[in-house]
């Protein structure tokens, strides 16, 4: 089964580039099948990692909370399972 972990944060005013750089630098304790990083208006950064694991696997590594002052709110995290094409 493929599981996608989504990590989304909103940077503090004027710190979007810094948050994006920070997110890209974050290593994980093991490599996912795939990892993509996105940005959006309002200095938001989204990282999606894909894993071959069960939906409730407790040991999937996730990005941490950014350093204090870099974001405007706690990070949002979601977990999804692939359901196939169509």
PDB file of N, CA and C in Angstrom:
ATOM      1  N   UNK A   1       0.849  -1.177   0.000  1.00  0.00           N
ATOM      2  CA  UNK A   1       0.000   0.000   0.000  1.00  0.00           C
ATOM      3  C   UNK A   1       0.892   1.235   0.000  1.00  0.00           C
ATOM      4  N   UNK A   2       0.457   2.261  -0.717  1.00  0.00           N
ATOM      5  CA  UNK A   2       1.186   3.522  -0.734  1.00  0.00           C
ATOM      6  C   UNK A   2       0.481   4.519   0.178  1.00  0.00           C
ATOM      7  N   UNK A   3       1.268   5.148   1.040  1.00  0.00           N
ATOM      8  CA  UNK A   3       0.772   6.159   1.968  1.00  0.00           C
ATOM      9  C   UNK A   3       1.495   7.468   1.660  1.00  0.00           C
ATOM     10  N   UNK A   4       0.746   8.568   1.613  1.00  0.00           N
ATOM     11  CA  UNK A   4       1.332   9.893   1.411  1.00  0.00           C
ATOM     12  C   UNK A   4       1.196  10.690   2.699  1.00  0.00           C
ATOM     13  N   UNK A   5       2.287  11.275   3.132  1.00  0.00           N
ATOM     14  CA  UNK A   5       2.272  12.165   4.289  1.00  0.00           C
ATOM     15  C   UNK A   5       2.394  13.592   3.775  1.00  0.00           C
ATOM     16  N   UNK A   6       1.497  14.448   4.227  1.00  0.00           N
ATOM     17  CA  UNK A   6       1.522  15.849   3.821  1.00  0.00           C
ATOM     18  C   UNK A   6       1.866  16.716   5.028  1.00  0.00           C
ATOM     19  N   UNK A   7       2.763  17.652   4.803  1.00  0.00           N
ATOM     20  CA  UNK A   7       3.235  18.580   5.822  1.00  0.00           C
ATOM     21  C   UNK A   7       3.067  19.970   5.229  1.00  0.00           C
ATOM     22  N   UNK A   8       2.317  20.853   5.900  1.00  0.00           N
ATOM     23  CA  UNK A   8       2.062  22.189   5.363  1.00  0.00           C
ATOM     24  C   UNK A   8       2.251  23.233   6.452  1.00  0.00           C
ATOM     25  N   UNK A   9       2.971  24.306   6.103  1.00  0.00           N
ATOM     26  CA  UNK A   9       3.225  25.382   7.066  1.00  0.00           C
ATOM     27  C   UNK A   9       3.096  26.729   6.368  1.00  0.00           C
ATOM     28  N   UNK A  10       2.776  27.744   7.148  1.00  0.00           N
ATOM     29  CA  UNK A  10       2.695  29.122   6.637  1.00  0.00           C
ATOM     30  C   UNK A  10       3.758  29.951   7.339  1.00  0.00           C
ATOM     31  N   UNK A  11       4.601  30.558   6.535  1.00  0.00           N
ATOM     32  CA  UNK A  11       5.719  31.339   7.079  1.00  0.00           C
ATOM     33  C   UNK A  11       5.256  32.627   7.726  1.00  0.00           C
ATOM     34  N   UNK A  12       6.051  33.089   8.651  1.00  0.00           N
ATOM     35  CA  UNK A  12       5.842  34.416   9.219  1.00  0.00           C
ATOM     36  C   UNK A  12       6.049  35.445   8.104  1.00  0.00           C
ATOM     37  N   UNK A  13       5.461  36.604   8.272  1.00  0.00           N
ATOM     38  CA  UNK A  13       5.516  37.674   7.265  1.00  0.00           C
ATOM     39  C   UNK A  13       6.936  37.865   6.722  1.00  0.00           C
ATOM     40  N   UNK A  14       7.060  37.774   5.394  1.00  0.00           N
ATOM     41  CA  UNK A  14       8.338  38.009   4.732  1.00  0.00           C
ATOM     42  C   UNK A  14       9.364  36.898   4.843  1.00  0.00           C
ATOM     43  N   UNK A  15       8.979  35.746   5.403  1.00  0.00           N
ATOM     44  CA  UNK A  15       9.957  34.675   5.619  1.00  0.00           C
ATOM     45  C   UNK A  15       9.668  33.421   4.789  1.00  0.00           C
ATOM     46  N   UNK A  16       8.903  33.591   3.713  1.00  0.00           N
ATOM     47  CA  UNK A  16       8.545  32.458   2.873  1.00  0.00           C
ATOM     48  C   UNK A  16       9.746  31.754   2.263  1.00  0.00           C
ATOM     49  N   UNK A  17      10.689  32.510   1.726  1.00  0.00           N
ATOM     50  CA  UNK A  17      11.882  31.906   1.116  1.00  0.00           C
ATOM     51  C   UNK A  17      12.697  31.148   2.163  1.00  0.00           C
ATOM     52  N   UNK A  18      12.765  31.691   3.354  1.00  0.00           N
ATOM     53  CA  UNK A  18      13.501  31.038   4.444  1.00  0.00           C
ATOM     54  C   UNK A  18      12.836  29.727   4.857  1.00  0.00           C
ATOM     55  N   UNK A  19      11.493  29.730   4.948  1.00  0.00           N
ATOM     56  CA  UNK A  19      10.777  28.508   5.296  1.00  0.00           C
ATOM     57  C   UNK A  19      10.958  27.453   4.203  1.00  0.00           C
ATOM     58  N   UNK A  20      10.866  27.866   2.946  1.00  0.00           N
ATOM     59  CA  UNK A  20      11.065  26.934   1.838  1.00  0.00           C
ATOM     60  C   UNK A  20      12.453  26.316   1.893  1.00  0.00           C
ATOM     61  N   UNK A  21      13.476  27.130   2.101  1.00  0.00           N
ATOM     62  CA  UNK A  21      14.848  26.613   2.203  1.00  0.00           C
ATOM     63  C   UNK A  21      14.986  25.658   3.386  1.00  0.00           C
ATOM     64  N   UNK A  22      14.401  26.019   4.515  1.00  0.00           N
ATOM     65  CA  UNK A  22      14.472  25.162   5.702  1.00  0.00           C
ATOM     66  C   UNK A  22      13.834  23.805   5.420  1.00  0.00           C
ATOM     67  N   UNK A  23      12.640  23.802   4.808  1.00  0.00           N
ATOM     68  CA  UNK A  23      11.935  22.549   4.524  1.00  0.00           C
ATOM     69  C   UNK A  23      12.744  21.671   3.568  1.00  0.00           C
ATOM     70  N   UNK A  24      13.369  22.272   2.574  1.00  0.00           N
ATOM     71  CA  UNK A  24      14.151  21.504   1.601  1.00  0.00           C
ATOM     72  C   UNK A  24      15.398  20.890   2.233  1.00  0.00           C
ATOM     73  N   UNK A  25      15.930  21.524   3.267  1.00  0.00           N
ATOM     74  CA  UNK A  25      17.138  21.027   3.929  1.00  0.00           C
ATOM     75  C   UNK A  25      16.865  19.884   4.907  1.00  0.00           C
ATOM     76  N   UNK A  26      15.615  19.704   5.297  1.00  0.00           N
ATOM     77  CA  UNK A  26      15.300  18.714   6.321  1.00  0.00           C
ATOM     78  C   UNK A  26      15.441  17.295   5.778  1.00  0.00           C
ATOM     79  N   UNK A  27      16.325  16.543   6.396  1.00  0.00           N
ATOM     80  CA  UNK A  27      16.474  15.145   6.054  1.00  0.00           C
ATOM     81  C   UNK A  27      15.506  14.302   6.869  1.00  0.00           C
ATOM     82  N   UNK A  28      15.296  13.097   6.418  1.00  0.00           N
ATOM     83  CA  UNK A  28      14.448  12.148   7.138  1.00  0.00           C
ATOM     84  C   UNK A  28      15.320  10.971   7.547  1.00  0.00           C
ATOM     85  N   UNK A  29      14.888  10.206   8.523  1.00  0.00           N
ATOM     86  CA  UNK A  29      15.697   9.089   9.008  1.00  0.00           C
ATOM     87  C   UNK A  29      15.828   7.969   7.981  1.00  0.00           C
ATOM     88  N   UNK A  30      14.951   7.968   6.981  1.00  0.00           N
ATOM     89  CA  UNK A  30      15.096   7.076   5.824  1.00  0.00           C
ATOM     90  C   UNK A  30      14.448   7.754   4.621  1.00  0.00           C
ATOM     91  N   UNK A  31      14.772   7.259   3.441  1.00  0.00           N
ATOM     92  CA  UNK A  31      14.309   7.889   2.210  1.00  0.00           C
ATOM     93  C   UNK A  31      12.916   7.394   1.812  1.00  0.00           C
ATOM     94  N   UNK A  32      12.024   8.315   1.476  1.00  0.00           N
ATOM     95  CA  UNK A  32      10.705   7.913   0.979  1.00  0.00           C
ATOM     96  C   UNK A  32      10.821   7.428  -0.469  1.00  0.00           C
ATOM     97  N   UNK A  33       9.761   6.836  -0.971  1.00  0.00           N
ATOM     98  CA  UNK A  33       9.701   6.437  -2.378  1.00  0.00           C
ATOM     99  C   UNK A  33       9.783   7.694  -3.248  1.00  0.00           C
ATOM    100  N   UNK A  34       9.151   8.759  -2.779  1.00  0.00           N
ATOM    101  CA  UNK A  34       9.101  10.017  -3.523  1.00  0.00           C
ATOM    102  C   UNK A  34       8.908  11.161  -2.538  1.00  0.00           C
ATOM    103  N   UNK A  35       9.441  12.310  -2.884  1.00  0.00           N
ATOM    104  CA  UNK A  35       9.269  13.512  -2.051  1.00  0.00           C
ATOM    105  C   UNK A  35       9.164  14.719  -2.975  1.00  0.00           C
ATOM    106  N   UNK A  36       8.157  15.560  -2.737  1.00  0.00           N
ATOM    107  CA  UNK A  36       7.997  16.783  -3.514  1.00  0.00           C
ATOM    108  C   UNK A  36       7.729  17.949  -2.577  1.00  0.00           C
ATOM    109  N   UNK A  37       8.223  19.112  -2.972  1.00  0.00           N
ATOM    110  CA  UNK A  37       8.047  20.328  -2.189  1.00  0.00           C
ATOM    111  C   UNK A  37       7.365  21.367  -3.068  1.00  0.00           C
ATOM    112  N   UNK A  38       6.374  22.062  -2.500  1.00  0.00           N
ATOM    113  CA  UNK A  38       5.583  23.054  -3.224  1.00  0.00           C
ATOM    114  C   UNK A  38       5.536  24.352  -2.419  1.00  0.00           C
ATOM    115  N   UNK A  39       5.247  25.440  -3.110  1.00  0.00           N
ATOM    116  CA  UNK A  39       4.978  26.710  -2.421  1.00  0.00           C
ATOM    117  C   UNK A  39       3.692  27.288  -2.981  1.00  0.00           C
ATOM    118  N   UNK A  40       3.074  28.176  -2.209  1.00  0.00           N
ATOM    119  CA  UNK A  40       1.807  28.787  -2.599  1.00  0.00           C
ATOM    120  C   UNK A  40       1.754  30.216  -2.065  1.00  0.00           C
ATOM    121  N   UNK A  41       0.764  30.996  -2.532  1.00  0.00           N
ATOM    122  CA  UNK A  41       0.607  32.344  -1.994  1.00  0.00           C
ATOM    123  C   UNK A  41       0.503  32.322  -0.462  1.00  0.00           C
ATOM    124  N   UNK A  42       0.731  33.471   0.114  1.00  0.00           N
ATOM    125  CA  UNK A  42       0.720  33.661   1.566  1.00  0.00           C
ATOM    126  C   UNK A  42       1.874  32.909   2.230  1.00  0.00           C
ATOM    127  N   UNK A  43       2.965  32.707   1.480  1.00  0.00           N
ATOM    128  CA  UNK A  43       4.187  32.083   2.004  1.00  0.00           C
ATOM    129  C   UNK A  43       3.936  30.711   2.624  1.00  0.00           C
ATOM    130  N   UNK A  44       3.097  29.912   1.950  1.00  0.00           N
ATOM    131  CA  UNK A  44       2.839  28.554   2.423  1.00  0.00           C
ATOM    132  C   UNK A  44       3.779  27.575   1.726  1.00  0.00           C
ATOM    133  N   UNK A  45       4.210  26.549   2.460  1.00  0.00           N
ATOM    134  CA  UNK A  45       5.087  25.502   1.951  1.00  0.00           C
ATOM    135  C   UNK A  45       4.434  24.159   2.234  1.00  0.00           C
ATOM    136  N   UNK A  46       4.441  23.296   1.232  1.00  0.00           N
ATOM    137  CA  UNK A  46       3.852  21.967   1.340  1.00  0.00           C
ATOM    138  C   UNK A  46       4.899  20.936   0.945  1.00  0.00           C
ATOM    139  N   UNK A  47       5.064  19.912   1.772  1.00  0.00           N
ATOM    140  CA  UNK A  47       5.959  18.793   1.456  1.00  0.00           C
ATOM    141  C   UNK A  47       5.122  17.525   1.498  1.00  0.00           C
ATOM    142  N   UNK A  48       5.187  16.733   0.430  1.00  0.00           N
ATOM    143  CA  UNK A  48       4.498  15.447   0.377  1.00  0.00           C
ATOM    144  C   UNK A  48       5.544  14.365   0.214  1.00  0.00           C
ATOM    145  N   UNK A  49       5.469  13.345   1.055  1.00  0.00           N
ATOM    146  CA  UNK A  49       6.344  12.183   0.929  1.00  0.00           C
ATOM    147  C   UNK A  49       5.477  10.952   0.723  1.00  0.00           C
ATOM    148  N   UNK A  50       5.952  10.025  -0.117  1.00  0.00           N
ATOM    149  CA  UNK A  50       5.234   8.787  -0.413  1.00  0.00           C
ATOM    150  C   UNK A  50       6.027   7.622   0.160  1.00  0.00           C
ATOM    151  N   UNK A  51       5.311   6.674   0.753  1.00  0.00           N
ATOM    152  CA  UNK A  51       5.925   5.523   1.428  1.00  0.00           C
ATOM    153  C   UNK A  51       5.197   4.240   1.047  1.00  0.00           C
ATOM    154  N   UNK A  52       5.921   3.153   0.955  1.00  0.00           N
ATOM    155  CA  UNK A  52       5.312   1.827   0.838  1.00  0.00           C
ATOM    156  C   UNK A  52       5.148   1.324   2.265  1.00  0.00           C
ATOM    157  N   UNK A  53       3.949   1.460   2.799  1.00  0.00           N
ATOM    158  CA  UNK A  53       3.680   1.121   4.199  1.00  0.00           C
ATOM    159  C   UNK A  53       2.175   1.033   4.401  1.00  0.00           C
ATOM    160  N   UNK A  54       1.771   0.498   5.534  1.00  0.00           N
ATOM    161  CA  UNK A  54       0.350   0.486   5.865  1.00  0.00           C
ATOM    162  C   UNK A  54      -0.061   1.875   6.336  1.00  0.00           C
ATOM    163  N   UNK A  55      -1.340   2.183   6.226  1.00  0.00           N
ATOM    164  CA  UNK A  55      -1.852   3.502   6.581  1.00  0.00           C
ATOM    165  C   UNK A  55      -1.493   3.889   8.009  1.00  0.00           C
ATOM    166  N   UNK A  56      -1.571   2.940   8.922  1.00  0.00           N
ATOM    167  CA  UNK A  56      -1.333   3.252  10.329  1.00  0.00           C
ATOM    168  C   UNK A  56       0.085   2.943  10.803  1.00  0.00           C
ATOM    169  N   UNK A  57       1.032   2.802   9.870  1.00  0.00           N
ATOM    170  CA  UNK A  57       2.424   2.541  10.252  1.00  0.00           C
ATOM    171  C   UNK A  57       2.918   3.656  11.178  1.00  0.00           C
ATOM    172  N   UNK A  58       3.347   3.308  12.389  1.00  0.00           N
ATOM    173  CA  UNK A  58       3.731   4.331  13.357  1.00  0.00           C
ATOM    174  C   UNK A  58       5.134   4.900  13.146  1.00  0.00           C
ATOM    175  N   UNK A  59       5.945   4.251  12.341  1.00  0.00           N
ATOM    176  CA  UNK A  59       7.354   4.621  12.261  1.00  0.00           C
ATOM    177  C   UNK A  59       7.729   5.417  11.010  1.00  0.00           C
ATOM    178  N   UNK A  60       6.775   6.014  10.327  1.00  0.00           N
ATOM    179  CA  UNK A  60       7.106   6.806   9.150  1.00  0.00           C
ATOM    180  C   UNK A  60       7.676   8.151   9.588  1.00  0.00           C
ATOM    181  N   UNK A  61       8.849   8.512   9.090  1.00  0.00           N
ATOM    182  CA  UNK A  61       9.463   9.780   9.506  1.00  0.00           C
ATOM    183  C   UNK A  61       8.744  10.979   8.889  1.00  0.00           C
ATOM    184  N   UNK A  62       8.592  12.012   9.675  1.00  0.00           N
ATOM    185  CA  UNK A  62       7.945  13.240   9.218  1.00  0.00           C
ATOM    186  C   UNK A  62       8.860  14.429   9.472  1.00  0.00           C
ATOM    187  N   UNK A  63       8.646  15.498   8.724  1.00  0.00           N
ATOM    188  CA  UNK A  63       9.398  16.716   8.973  1.00  0.00           C
ATOM    189  C   UNK A  63       8.991  17.274  10.333  1.00  0.00           C
ATOM    190  N   UNK A  64       9.930  17.893  11.030  1.00  0.00           N
ATOM    191  CA  UNK A  64       9.628  18.455  12.349  1.00  0.00           C
ATOM    192  C   UNK A  64       8.939  19.809  12.245  1.00  0.00           C
ATOM    193  N   UNK A  65       8.621  20.364  13.394  1.00  0.00           N
ATOM    194  CA  UNK A  65       8.132  21.740  13.459  1.00  0.00           C
ATOM    195  C   UNK A  65       9.308  22.660  13.123  1.00  0.00           C
ATOM    196  N   UNK A  66       9.091  23.713  12.362  1.00  0.00           N
ATOM    197  CA  UNK A  66      10.163  24.676  12.071  1.00  0.00           C
ATOM    198  C   UNK A  66      10.566  25.436  13.332  1.00  0.00           C
ATOM    199  N   UNK A  67      11.735  26.052  13.301  1.00  0.00           N
ATOM    200  CA  UNK A  67      12.183  26.837  14.457  1.00  0.00           C
ATOM    201  C   UNK A  67      11.203  27.951  14.803  1.00  0.00           C
ATOM    202  N   UNK A  68      11.160  28.310  16.063  1.00  0.00           N
ATOM    203  CA  UNK A  68      10.268  29.373  16.535  1.00  0.00           C
ATOM    204  C   UNK A  68      10.435  30.656  15.744  1.00  0.00           C
ATOM    205  N   UNK A  69       9.322  31.308  15.470  1.00  0.00           N
ATOM    206  CA  UNK A  69       9.345  32.570  14.758  1.00  0.00           C
ATOM    207  C   UNK A  69       9.334  32.447  13.243  1.00  0.00           C
ATOM    208  N   UNK A  70       9.569  31.243  12.709  1.00  0.00           N
ATOM    209  CA  UNK A  70       9.597  31.058  11.262  1.00  0.00           C
ATOM    210  C   UNK A  70       8.194  30.865  10.683  1.00  0.00           C
ATOM    211  N   UNK A  71       7.252  30.382  11.501  1.00  0.00           N
ATOM    212  CA  UNK A  71       5.893  30.127  11.022  1.00  0.00           C
ATOM    213  C   UNK A  71       4.869  30.901  11.845  1.00  0.00           C
ATOM    214  N   UNK A  72       3.670  31.070  11.253  1.00  0.00           N
ATOM    215  CA  UNK A  72       2.610  31.828  11.927  1.00  0.00           C
ATOM    216  C   UNK A  72       1.687  30.955  12.763  1.00  0.00           C
ATOM    217  N   UNK A  73       1.767  29.636  12.562  1.00  0.00           N
ATOM    218  CA  UNK A  73       0.878  28.709  13.280  1.00  0.00           C
ATOM    219  C   UNK A  73       1.545  27.332  13.287  1.00  0.00           C
ATOM    220  N   UNK A  74       1.036  26.406  14.091  1.00  0.00           N
ATOM    221  CA  UNK A  74       1.599  25.049  14.054  1.00  0.00           C
ATOM    222  C   UNK A  74       1.439  24.420  12.667  1.00  0.00           C
ATOM    223  N   UNK A  75       2.336  23.522  12.348  1.00  0.00           N
ATOM    224  CA  UNK A  75       2.311  22.798  11.075  1.00  0.00           C
ATOM    225  C   UNK A  75       1.040  21.955  10.987  1.00  0.00           C
ATOM    226  N   UNK A  76       0.451  21.887   9.795  1.00  0.00           N
ATOM    227  CA  UNK A  76      -0.675  20.978   9.541  1.00  0.00           C
ATOM    228  C   UNK A  76      -0.111  19.709   8.929  1.00  0.00           C
ATOM    229  N   UNK A  77      -0.605  18.553   9.388  1.00  0.00           N
ATOM    230  CA  UNK A  77      -0.144  17.259   8.888  1.00  0.00           C
ATOM    231  C   UNK A  77      -1.350  16.394   8.545  1.00  0.00           C
ATOM    232  N   UNK A  78      -1.259  15.700   7.403  1.00  0.00           N
ATOM    233  CA  UNK A  78      -2.306  14.773   7.010  1.00  0.00           C
ATOM    234  C   UNK A  78      -1.663  13.501   6.480  1.00  0.00           C
ATOM    235  N   UNK A  79      -2.396  12.426   6.551  1.00  0.00           N
ATOM    236  CA  UNK A  79      -1.956  11.127   6.033  1.00  0.00           C
ATOM    237  C   UNK A  79      -3.052  10.607   5.114  1.00  0.00           C
ATOM    238  N   UNK A  80      -2.647  10.152   3.927  1.00  0.00           N
ATOM    239  CA  UNK A  80      -3.583   9.620   2.931  1.00  0.00           C
ATOM    240  C   UNK A  80      -3.094   8.279   2.418  1.00  0.00           C
ATOM    241  N   UNK A  81      -4.023   7.422   2.002  1.00  0.00           N
ATOM    242  CA  UNK A  81      -3.631   6.174   1.351  1.00  0.00           C
ATOM    243  C   UNK A  81      -4.080   6.221  -0.103  1.00  0.00           C
ATOM    244  N   UNK A  82      -3.273   5.649  -0.977  1.00  0.00           N
ATOM    245  CA  UNK A  82      -3.606   5.604  -2.400  1.00  0.00           C
ATOM    246  C   UNK A  82      -4.783   4.654  -2.612  1.00  0.00           C
ATOM    247  N   UNK A  83      -5.688   5.047  -3.512  1.00  0.00           N
ATOM    248  CA  UNK A  83      -6.841   4.201  -3.820  1.00  0.00           C
ATOM    249  C   UNK A  83      -6.866   3.791  -5.293  1.00  0.00           C
ATOM    250  N   UNK A  84      -5.818   4.078  -6.025  1.00  0.00           N
ATOM    251  CA  UNK A  84      -5.728   3.691  -7.418  1.00  0.00           C
ATOM    252  C   UNK A  84      -6.184   4.775  -8.360  1.00  0.00           C
ATOM    253  N   UNK A  85      -6.081   4.498  -9.635  1.00  0.00           N
ATOM    254  CA  UNK A  85      -6.444   5.464 -10.670  1.00  0.00           C
ATOM    255  C   UNK A  85      -7.955   5.525 -10.836  1.00  0.00           C
ATOM    256  N   UNK A  86      -8.424   6.686 -11.288  1.00  0.00           N
ATOM    257  CA  UNK A  86      -9.838   6.817 -11.641  1.00  0.00           C
ATOM    258  C   UNK A  86     -10.636   7.268 -10.551  1.00  0.00           C
TER     259      UNK A  86
END
